[in-house]
């Protein structure tokens, strides 16, 4: 789609890292965002927005284990569930992506429609183990996953892999 109304870039691990080195994809994201009313990402999809130059001097978020990596793309990393900076929205992770999606639903169709959508997807979070204690986050586990994803996804891009790994 050459000129989408909205562009939402999903995240992931190795596949997302491979996408960072796919210049055709990055060029498409840049050109689609130029005319889109909204450009958004979920989780590490923000790294692709960054590679496309869309986060320069913008506040942005991503999965907490990749948050500092956003600096490599000129972004201003913030630890929030989702961030809106101009026409660009970024969500920290999958569940935060739902929060951002409900915000967008309210923006596009009104708060009543967003509430109906919230009921439709039965979104009433009650995590079985309560809220997260970020001081107890298993950083080493995720640090290893991030390094592994970068190594696998950017195996053919050693310079980019080294640059991004330095921020993990």
N, C-alpha and C. Protein backbone atom coordinates (compact mmCIF):
# COMPACT_ATOMS: atom_id res chain seq x y z
N UNK A 1 0.85 -1.16 0.00
CA UNK A 1 0.00 0.00 0.00
C UNK A 1 0.91 1.24 0.00
N UNK A 2 0.87 2.03 -1.04
CA UNK A 2 1.79 3.16 -1.14
C UNK A 2 1.52 4.31 -0.18
N UNK A 3 0.27 4.56 0.15
CA UNK A 3 -0.06 5.70 1.02
C UNK A 3 -1.11 5.30 2.04
N UNK A 4 -0.73 4.52 3.06
CA UNK A 4 -1.72 4.07 4.04
C UNK A 4 -2.18 5.21 4.95
N UNK A 5 -3.40 5.07 5.46
CA UNK A 5 -3.91 6.03 6.43
C UNK A 5 -3.14 5.89 7.74
N UNK A 6 -2.90 4.63 8.12
CA UNK A 6 -2.16 4.32 9.34
C UNK A 6 -1.15 3.22 9.05
N UNK A 7 -0.02 3.33 9.69
CA UNK A 7 1.03 2.32 9.56
C UNK A 7 1.36 1.83 10.95
N UNK A 8 1.22 0.53 11.19
CA UNK A 8 1.55 -0.06 12.48
C UNK A 8 2.62 -1.12 12.24
N UNK A 9 3.75 -0.96 12.88
CA UNK A 9 4.88 -1.87 12.70
C UNK A 9 4.97 -2.77 13.93
N UNK A 10 4.77 -4.07 13.75
CA UNK A 10 4.88 -4.99 14.89
C UNK A 10 6.33 -5.27 15.22
N UNK A 11 6.55 -5.85 16.37
CA UNK A 11 7.90 -6.18 16.79
C UNK A 11 8.10 -7.68 16.88
N UNK A 12 9.17 -8.06 17.49
CA UNK A 12 9.54 -9.46 17.64
C UNK A 12 11.01 -9.53 17.98
N UNK A 13 11.62 -10.65 17.67
CA UNK A 13 13.04 -10.79 17.97
C UNK A 13 13.86 -10.89 16.68
N UNK A 14 14.29 -12.08 16.30
CA UNK A 14 15.21 -12.20 15.17
C UNK A 14 14.62 -11.65 13.87
N UNK A 15 13.34 -11.89 13.62
CA UNK A 15 12.72 -11.37 12.40
C UNK A 15 12.74 -9.86 12.34
N UNK A 16 12.50 -9.23 13.48
CA UNK A 16 12.55 -7.77 13.54
C UNK A 16 13.97 -7.28 13.30
N UNK A 17 14.94 -7.99 13.86
CA UNK A 17 16.33 -7.59 13.67
C UNK A 17 16.72 -7.72 12.20
N UNK A 18 16.26 -8.78 11.53
CA UNK A 18 16.52 -8.93 10.09
C UNK A 18 15.90 -7.77 9.33
N UNK A 19 14.70 -7.35 9.75
CA UNK A 19 14.02 -6.25 9.06
C UNK A 19 14.81 -4.95 9.15
N UNK A 20 15.56 -4.76 10.22
CA UNK A 20 16.38 -3.56 10.36
C UNK A 20 17.38 -3.42 9.22
N UNK A 21 17.84 -4.54 8.70
CA UNK A 21 18.84 -4.53 7.64
C UNK A 21 18.21 -4.63 6.25
N UNK A 22 16.89 -4.72 6.18
CA UNK A 22 16.19 -4.82 4.89
C UNK A 22 15.91 -3.41 4.40
N UNK A 23 16.80 -2.87 3.58
CA UNK A 23 16.68 -1.47 3.15
C UNK A 23 15.39 -1.20 2.39
N UNK A 24 14.93 -2.18 1.64
CA UNK A 24 13.66 -2.00 0.91
C UNK A 24 12.50 -1.79 1.89
N UNK A 25 12.45 -2.60 2.93
CA UNK A 25 11.40 -2.47 3.94
C UNK A 25 11.53 -1.15 4.69
N UNK A 26 12.74 -0.81 5.11
CA UNK A 26 12.97 0.44 5.84
C UNK A 26 12.58 1.64 4.97
N UNK A 27 12.91 1.60 3.69
CA UNK A 27 12.53 2.68 2.77
C UNK A 27 11.01 2.78 2.65
N UNK A 28 10.34 1.60 2.59
CA UNK A 28 8.87 1.61 2.51
C UNK A 28 8.27 2.24 3.77
N UNK A 29 8.76 1.85 4.94
CA UNK A 29 8.24 2.40 6.20
C UNK A 29 8.41 3.92 6.19
N UNK A 30 9.56 4.41 5.76
CA UNK A 30 9.82 5.85 5.70
C UNK A 30 8.83 6.54 4.75
N UNK A 31 8.63 5.99 3.56
CA UNK A 31 7.75 6.64 2.59
C UNK A 31 6.28 6.53 3.00
N UNK A 32 5.88 5.40 3.55
CA UNK A 32 4.48 5.24 3.99
C UNK A 32 4.19 6.19 5.16
N UNK A 33 5.13 6.35 6.06
CA UNK A 33 4.94 7.23 7.21
C UNK A 33 4.83 8.69 6.78
N UNK A 34 5.44 9.04 5.67
CA UNK A 34 5.42 10.43 5.21
C UNK A 34 4.01 10.92 4.91
N UNK A 35 3.11 10.01 4.54
CA UNK A 35 1.74 10.42 4.21
C UNK A 35 0.70 9.86 5.19
N UNK A 36 1.12 8.97 6.08
CA UNK A 36 0.17 8.35 7.01
C UNK A 36 -0.29 9.36 8.06
N UNK A 37 -1.54 9.25 8.44
CA UNK A 37 -2.08 10.06 9.52
C UNK A 37 -1.45 9.65 10.85
N UNK A 38 -1.21 8.35 10.99
CA UNK A 38 -0.63 7.80 12.21
C UNK A 38 0.42 6.77 11.83
N UNK A 39 1.55 6.84 12.50
CA UNK A 39 2.58 5.82 12.38
C UNK A 39 2.82 5.29 13.78
N UNK A 40 2.71 3.98 13.94
CA UNK A 40 2.81 3.39 15.28
C UNK A 40 3.64 2.12 15.23
N UNK A 41 4.12 1.73 16.41
CA UNK A 41 4.84 0.47 16.52
C UNK A 41 4.49 -0.17 17.85
N UNK A 42 4.68 -1.48 17.88
CA UNK A 42 4.49 -2.24 19.10
C UNK A 42 5.79 -2.98 19.36
N UNK A 43 6.26 -2.90 20.60
CA UNK A 43 7.45 -3.60 21.04
C UNK A 43 8.65 -3.17 20.21
N UNK A 44 9.44 -4.10 19.72
CA UNK A 44 10.66 -3.76 18.99
C UNK A 44 10.39 -3.24 17.58
N UNK A 45 9.15 -3.15 17.19
CA UNK A 45 8.82 -2.49 15.92
C UNK A 45 9.33 -1.06 15.90
N UNK A 46 9.49 -0.48 17.08
CA UNK A 46 10.02 0.89 17.16
C UNK A 46 11.44 0.98 16.62
N UNK A 47 12.19 -0.11 16.69
CA UNK A 47 13.55 -0.11 16.14
C UNK A 47 13.50 0.08 14.63
N UNK A 48 12.49 -0.49 14.00
CA UNK A 48 12.33 -0.32 12.55
C UNK A 48 11.96 1.13 12.24
N UNK A 49 11.08 1.72 13.06
CA UNK A 49 10.78 3.15 12.88
C UNK A 49 12.06 3.96 13.03
N UNK A 50 12.88 3.58 13.99
CA UNK A 50 14.15 4.27 14.21
C UNK A 50 15.07 4.12 13.01
N UNK A 51 15.17 2.92 12.47
CA UNK A 51 16.03 2.69 11.30
C UNK A 51 15.57 3.51 10.11
N UNK A 52 14.27 3.80 10.06
CA UNK A 52 13.71 4.61 8.97
C UNK A 52 13.88 6.11 9.23
N UNK A 53 14.48 6.46 10.37
CA UNK A 53 14.71 7.86 10.70
C UNK A 53 13.52 8.58 11.26
N UNK A 54 12.51 7.84 11.70
CA UNK A 54 11.25 8.45 12.15
C UNK A 54 11.24 8.81 13.63
N UNK A 55 12.26 8.41 14.37
CA UNK A 55 12.27 8.68 15.81
C UNK A 55 13.29 9.73 16.21
N UNK A 56 14.00 10.28 15.27
CA UNK A 56 15.04 11.27 15.58
C UNK A 56 14.44 12.41 16.39
N UNK A 57 15.03 12.67 17.55
CA UNK A 57 14.61 13.74 18.46
C UNK A 57 13.17 13.58 18.96
N UNK A 58 12.63 12.37 18.91
CA UNK A 58 11.28 12.10 19.44
C UNK A 58 11.39 11.22 20.67
N UNK A 59 10.47 11.42 21.60
CA UNK A 59 10.33 10.47 22.70
C UNK A 59 9.74 9.20 22.12
N UNK A 60 10.26 8.06 22.56
CA UNK A 60 9.77 6.77 22.07
C UNK A 60 10.02 5.71 23.13
N UNK A 61 9.31 4.61 23.00
CA UNK A 61 9.51 3.48 23.89
C UNK A 61 9.54 2.21 23.07
N UNK A 62 9.92 1.15 23.74
CA UNK A 62 9.97 -0.19 23.14
C UNK A 62 10.02 -1.18 24.30
N UNK A 63 10.15 -2.45 23.99
CA UNK A 63 10.31 -3.44 25.05
C UNK A 63 11.47 -3.01 25.94
N UNK A 64 11.31 -3.14 27.23
CA UNK A 64 12.29 -2.61 28.18
C UNK A 64 13.70 -3.12 27.94
N UNK A 65 13.84 -4.33 27.42
CA UNK A 65 15.18 -4.87 27.22
C UNK A 65 15.91 -4.24 26.03
N UNK A 66 15.19 -3.50 25.19
CA UNK A 66 15.79 -2.83 24.03
C UNK A 66 15.70 -1.31 24.14
N UNK A 67 15.22 -0.81 25.27
CA UNK A 67 14.93 0.62 25.39
C UNK A 67 16.13 1.50 25.04
N UNK A 68 17.28 1.21 25.59
CA UNK A 68 18.46 2.05 25.33
C UNK A 68 18.94 1.97 23.88
N UNK A 69 18.57 0.90 23.18
CA UNK A 69 18.94 0.75 21.77
C UNK A 69 18.32 1.86 20.92
N UNK A 70 17.21 2.41 21.37
CA UNK A 70 16.56 3.49 20.61
C UNK A 70 17.49 4.68 20.42
N UNK A 71 18.42 4.88 21.35
CA UNK A 71 19.37 6.01 21.24
C UNK A 71 20.20 5.93 19.96
N UNK A 72 20.47 4.71 19.48
CA UNK A 72 21.26 4.54 18.25
C UNK A 72 20.55 5.17 17.05
N UNK A 73 19.25 5.39 17.17
CA UNK A 73 18.47 5.97 16.08
C UNK A 73 18.08 7.41 16.35
N UNK A 74 18.70 8.01 17.37
CA UNK A 74 18.44 9.41 17.67
C UNK A 74 17.18 9.65 18.47
N UNK A 75 16.55 8.60 18.96
CA UNK A 75 15.33 8.73 19.75
C UNK A 75 15.67 9.12 21.18
N UNK A 76 14.66 9.61 21.89
CA UNK A 76 14.76 9.94 23.30
C UNK A 76 13.96 8.87 24.06
N UNK A 77 14.63 7.80 24.52
CA UNK A 77 13.91 6.69 25.15
C UNK A 77 13.22 7.11 26.45
N UNK A 78 11.98 6.69 26.61
CA UNK A 78 11.23 6.92 27.85
C UNK A 78 10.57 5.61 28.27
N UNK A 79 10.56 5.38 29.56
CA UNK A 79 9.94 4.17 30.09
C UNK A 79 8.48 4.48 30.41
N UNK A 80 7.64 4.30 29.39
CA UNK A 80 6.19 4.42 29.57
C UNK A 80 5.55 3.30 28.76
N UNK A 81 4.31 3.00 29.08
CA UNK A 81 3.62 1.92 28.36
C UNK A 81 3.48 2.25 26.89
N UNK A 82 3.12 3.47 26.60
CA UNK A 82 3.09 3.92 25.21
C UNK A 82 3.33 5.41 25.18
N UNK A 83 3.83 5.88 24.06
CA UNK A 83 4.23 7.27 23.92
C UNK A 83 3.68 7.80 22.60
N UNK A 84 3.11 8.99 22.64
CA UNK A 84 2.72 9.70 21.42
C UNK A 84 3.60 10.93 21.31
N UNK A 85 4.31 11.05 20.21
CA UNK A 85 5.13 12.23 19.95
C UNK A 85 4.83 12.66 18.52
N UNK A 86 3.94 13.61 18.39
CA UNK A 86 3.48 14.02 17.06
C UNK A 86 2.64 12.90 16.45
N UNK A 87 2.88 12.60 15.20
CA UNK A 87 2.12 11.57 14.50
C UNK A 87 2.67 10.17 14.75
N UNK A 88 3.69 10.05 15.59
CA UNK A 88 4.33 8.76 15.85
C UNK A 88 3.99 8.28 17.25
N UNK A 89 3.50 7.04 17.33
CA UNK A 89 3.19 6.40 18.61
C UNK A 89 4.00 5.13 18.72
N UNK A 90 4.53 4.88 19.90
CA UNK A 90 5.28 3.65 20.15
C UNK A 90 4.75 3.02 21.42
N UNK A 91 4.63 1.70 21.42
CA UNK A 91 4.17 0.97 22.60
C UNK A 91 5.28 0.06 23.09
N UNK A 92 5.39 -0.07 24.41
CA UNK A 92 6.50 -0.80 25.01
C UNK A 92 6.47 -2.29 24.69
N UNK A 93 5.36 -2.92 24.78
CA UNK A 93 5.28 -4.36 24.55
C UNK A 93 3.87 -4.73 24.12
N UNK A 94 3.60 -6.02 24.06
CA UNK A 94 2.33 -6.51 23.54
C UNK A 94 1.13 -5.94 24.31
N UNK A 95 1.13 -6.07 25.63
CA UNK A 95 -0.01 -5.58 26.42
C UNK A 95 -0.12 -4.07 26.31
N UNK A 96 1.02 -3.38 26.30
CA UNK A 96 1.00 -1.93 26.14
C UNK A 96 0.47 -1.55 24.76
N UNK A 97 0.67 -2.42 23.78
CA UNK A 97 0.12 -2.19 22.45
C UNK A 97 -1.40 -2.15 22.47
N UNK A 98 -2.01 -2.93 23.35
CA UNK A 98 -3.47 -2.88 23.49
C UNK A 98 -3.88 -1.52 24.05
N UNK A 99 -3.15 -1.02 25.03
CA UNK A 99 -3.45 0.32 25.58
C UNK A 99 -3.38 1.37 24.46
N UNK A 100 -2.32 1.31 23.66
CA UNK A 100 -2.15 2.26 22.57
C UNK A 100 -3.26 2.11 21.54
N UNK A 101 -3.64 0.87 21.24
CA UNK A 101 -4.71 0.62 20.27
C UNK A 101 -6.04 1.20 20.76
N UNK A 102 -6.32 1.09 22.04
CA UNK A 102 -7.56 1.67 22.57
C UNK A 102 -7.50 3.20 22.49
N UNK A 103 -6.34 3.78 22.74
CA UNK A 103 -6.18 5.22 22.56
C UNK A 103 -6.48 5.62 21.11
N UNK A 104 -5.93 4.86 20.17
CA UNK A 104 -6.17 5.17 18.75
C UNK A 104 -7.64 4.97 18.37
N UNK A 105 -8.26 3.94 18.92
CA UNK A 105 -9.69 3.72 18.65
C UNK A 105 -10.50 4.93 19.13
N UNK A 106 -10.17 5.45 20.31
CA UNK A 106 -10.86 6.63 20.83
C UNK A 106 -10.60 7.83 19.93
N UNK A 107 -9.39 7.96 19.47
CA UNK A 107 -9.04 9.08 18.58
C UNK A 107 -9.79 9.02 17.27
N UNK A 108 -9.88 7.82 16.69
CA UNK A 108 -10.52 7.66 15.38
C UNK A 108 -12.04 7.62 15.45
N UNK A 109 -12.56 6.96 16.50
CA UNK A 109 -14.00 6.70 16.53
C UNK A 109 -14.70 7.22 17.77
N UNK A 110 -13.97 7.79 18.70
CA UNK A 110 -14.57 8.31 19.93
C UNK A 110 -14.42 7.35 21.09
N UNK A 111 -14.53 7.93 22.29
CA UNK A 111 -14.32 7.14 23.51
C UNK A 111 -15.37 6.05 23.67
N UNK A 112 -16.62 6.32 23.29
CA UNK A 112 -17.64 5.28 23.41
C UNK A 112 -17.30 4.06 22.57
N UNK A 113 -16.84 4.29 21.35
CA UNK A 113 -16.46 3.17 20.48
C UNK A 113 -15.27 2.42 21.07
N UNK A 114 -14.33 3.14 21.64
CA UNK A 114 -13.17 2.49 22.25
C UNK A 114 -13.59 1.63 23.44
N UNK A 115 -14.55 2.12 24.21
CA UNK A 115 -15.04 1.32 25.35
C UNK A 115 -15.74 0.05 24.87
N UNK A 116 -16.51 0.16 23.79
CA UNK A 116 -17.15 -1.03 23.22
C UNK A 116 -16.09 -2.02 22.78
N UNK A 117 -15.05 -1.52 22.14
CA UNK A 117 -13.95 -2.38 21.71
C UNK A 117 -13.28 -3.04 22.92
N UNK A 118 -13.10 -2.27 23.98
CA UNK A 118 -12.49 -2.83 25.19
C UNK A 118 -13.35 -3.97 25.73
N UNK A 119 -14.66 -3.81 25.70
CA UNK A 119 -15.56 -4.90 26.12
C UNK A 119 -15.46 -6.07 25.14
N UNK A 120 -15.39 -5.77 23.86
CA UNK A 120 -15.35 -6.82 22.84
C UNK A 120 -14.14 -7.73 23.02
N UNK A 121 -13.02 -7.15 23.39
CA UNK A 121 -11.81 -7.97 23.57
C UNK A 121 -11.60 -8.39 25.03
N UNK A 122 -12.58 -8.03 25.88
CA UNK A 122 -12.53 -8.37 27.31
C UNK A 122 -11.23 -7.92 27.95
N UNK A 123 -10.86 -6.69 27.65
CA UNK A 123 -9.61 -6.15 28.17
C UNK A 123 -9.87 -5.49 29.52
N UNK A 124 -9.58 -6.22 30.57
CA UNK A 124 -9.74 -5.77 31.94
C UNK A 124 -8.60 -6.38 32.74
N UNK A 125 -7.38 -5.87 32.50
CA UNK A 125 -6.20 -6.54 33.03
C UNK A 125 -6.20 -6.73 34.54
N UNK A 126 -5.98 -7.94 34.93
CA UNK A 126 -5.77 -8.31 36.32
C UNK A 126 -4.67 -9.36 36.31
N UNK A 127 -3.42 -8.92 36.20
CA UNK A 127 -2.33 -9.89 36.11
C UNK A 127 -2.35 -10.87 37.27
N UNK A 128 -2.15 -12.14 37.00
CA UNK A 128 -2.25 -13.15 38.07
C UNK A 128 -1.22 -12.97 39.17
N UNK A 129 -0.14 -12.27 38.90
CA UNK A 129 0.90 -12.09 39.91
C UNK A 129 1.03 -10.63 40.33
N UNK A 130 0.01 -9.84 40.03
CA UNK A 130 0.03 -8.43 40.40
C UNK A 130 0.88 -7.61 39.46
N UNK A 131 1.08 -6.36 39.81
CA UNK A 131 1.90 -5.48 38.98
C UNK A 131 3.37 -5.90 39.01
N UNK A 132 4.11 -5.39 38.05
CA UNK A 132 5.53 -5.74 37.95
C UNK A 132 6.38 -4.90 38.90
N UNK A 133 7.32 -5.56 39.53
CA UNK A 133 8.32 -4.88 40.34
C UNK A 133 9.56 -4.78 39.46
N UNK A 134 9.76 -3.62 38.84
CA UNK A 134 10.84 -3.47 37.86
C UNK A 134 12.22 -3.66 38.48
N UNK A 135 12.34 -3.49 39.78
CA UNK A 135 13.65 -3.72 40.40
C UNK A 135 14.00 -5.21 40.41
N UNK A 136 13.01 -6.07 40.22
CA UNK A 136 13.24 -7.52 40.22
C UNK A 136 13.21 -8.10 38.80
N UNK A 137 13.24 -7.26 37.79
CA UNK A 137 13.18 -7.73 36.39
C UNK A 137 14.37 -8.66 36.10
N UNK A 138 14.13 -9.76 35.40
CA UNK A 138 15.20 -10.70 35.07
C UNK A 138 16.06 -10.18 33.91
N UNK A 139 16.81 -9.13 34.19
CA UNK A 139 17.57 -8.44 33.15
C UNK A 139 18.54 -9.35 32.39
N UNK A 140 19.23 -10.21 33.08
CA UNK A 140 20.21 -11.08 32.42
C UNK A 140 19.54 -12.01 31.41
N UNK A 141 18.38 -12.53 31.76
CA UNK A 141 17.67 -13.40 30.83
C UNK A 141 17.33 -12.65 29.55
N UNK A 142 16.78 -11.45 29.69
CA UNK A 142 16.38 -10.68 28.51
C UNK A 142 17.58 -10.10 27.78
N UNK A 143 18.62 -9.77 28.50
CA UNK A 143 19.85 -9.29 27.89
C UNK A 143 20.37 -10.36 26.94
N UNK A 144 20.37 -11.61 27.40
CA UNK A 144 20.82 -12.73 26.57
C UNK A 144 19.92 -12.94 25.36
N UNK A 145 18.61 -12.83 25.56
CA UNK A 145 17.68 -12.98 24.44
C UNK A 145 17.89 -11.90 23.39
N UNK A 146 18.10 -10.67 23.85
CA UNK A 146 18.32 -9.57 22.92
C UNK A 146 19.59 -9.76 22.12
N UNK A 147 20.66 -10.14 22.80
CA UNK A 147 21.94 -10.39 22.10
C UNK A 147 21.79 -11.53 21.10
N UNK A 148 21.08 -12.57 21.52
CA UNK A 148 20.87 -13.72 20.63
C UNK A 148 20.05 -13.32 19.41
N UNK A 149 18.99 -12.54 19.61
CA UNK A 149 18.16 -12.09 18.49
C UNK A 149 18.95 -11.22 17.53
N UNK A 150 19.77 -10.33 18.08
CA UNK A 150 20.61 -9.49 17.22
C UNK A 150 21.62 -10.33 16.45
N UNK A 151 22.23 -11.30 17.13
CA UNK A 151 23.22 -12.15 16.47
C UNK A 151 22.59 -12.94 15.33
N UNK A 152 21.40 -13.51 15.59
CA UNK A 152 20.73 -14.29 14.55
C UNK A 152 20.18 -13.41 13.44
N UNK A 153 19.48 -12.37 13.81
CA UNK A 153 18.82 -11.53 12.82
C UNK A 153 19.77 -10.70 11.99
N UNK A 154 20.91 -10.32 12.57
CA UNK A 154 21.86 -9.47 11.85
C UNK A 154 23.18 -10.20 11.58
N UNK A 155 23.10 -11.50 11.37
CA UNK A 155 24.30 -12.29 11.12
C UNK A 155 25.08 -11.76 9.92
N UNK A 156 24.38 -11.26 8.92
CA UNK A 156 25.03 -10.75 7.70
C UNK A 156 25.34 -9.25 7.79
N UNK A 157 25.09 -8.65 8.94
CA UNK A 157 25.30 -7.21 9.15
C UNK A 157 26.12 -6.99 10.41
N UNK A 158 27.39 -7.40 10.41
CA UNK A 158 28.17 -7.33 11.66
C UNK A 158 28.32 -5.92 12.23
N UNK A 159 28.44 -4.91 11.39
CA UNK A 159 28.61 -3.54 11.90
C UNK A 159 27.35 -3.07 12.63
N UNK A 160 26.20 -3.30 12.02
CA UNK A 160 24.93 -2.91 12.64
C UNK A 160 24.70 -3.72 13.92
N UNK A 161 25.00 -5.02 13.86
CA UNK A 161 24.85 -5.88 15.04
C UNK A 161 25.70 -5.36 16.20
N UNK A 162 26.94 -5.03 15.92
CA UNK A 162 27.84 -4.52 16.98
C UNK A 162 27.34 -3.21 17.53
N UNK A 163 26.88 -2.31 16.66
CA UNK A 163 26.39 -1.01 17.10
C UNK A 163 25.19 -1.15 18.03
N UNK A 164 24.23 -2.00 17.65
CA UNK A 164 23.03 -2.17 18.47
C UNK A 164 23.29 -2.97 19.72
N UNK A 165 24.15 -3.96 19.63
CA UNK A 165 24.46 -4.79 20.80
C UNK A 165 25.13 -3.96 21.88
N UNK A 166 25.85 -2.94 21.49
CA UNK A 166 26.53 -2.09 22.48
C UNK A 166 25.54 -1.40 23.40
N UNK A 167 24.30 -1.23 22.97
CA UNK A 167 23.29 -0.55 23.80
C UNK A 167 22.50 -1.50 24.68
N UNK A 168 22.65 -2.80 24.46
CA UNK A 168 21.88 -3.76 25.27
C UNK A 168 22.44 -3.88 26.66
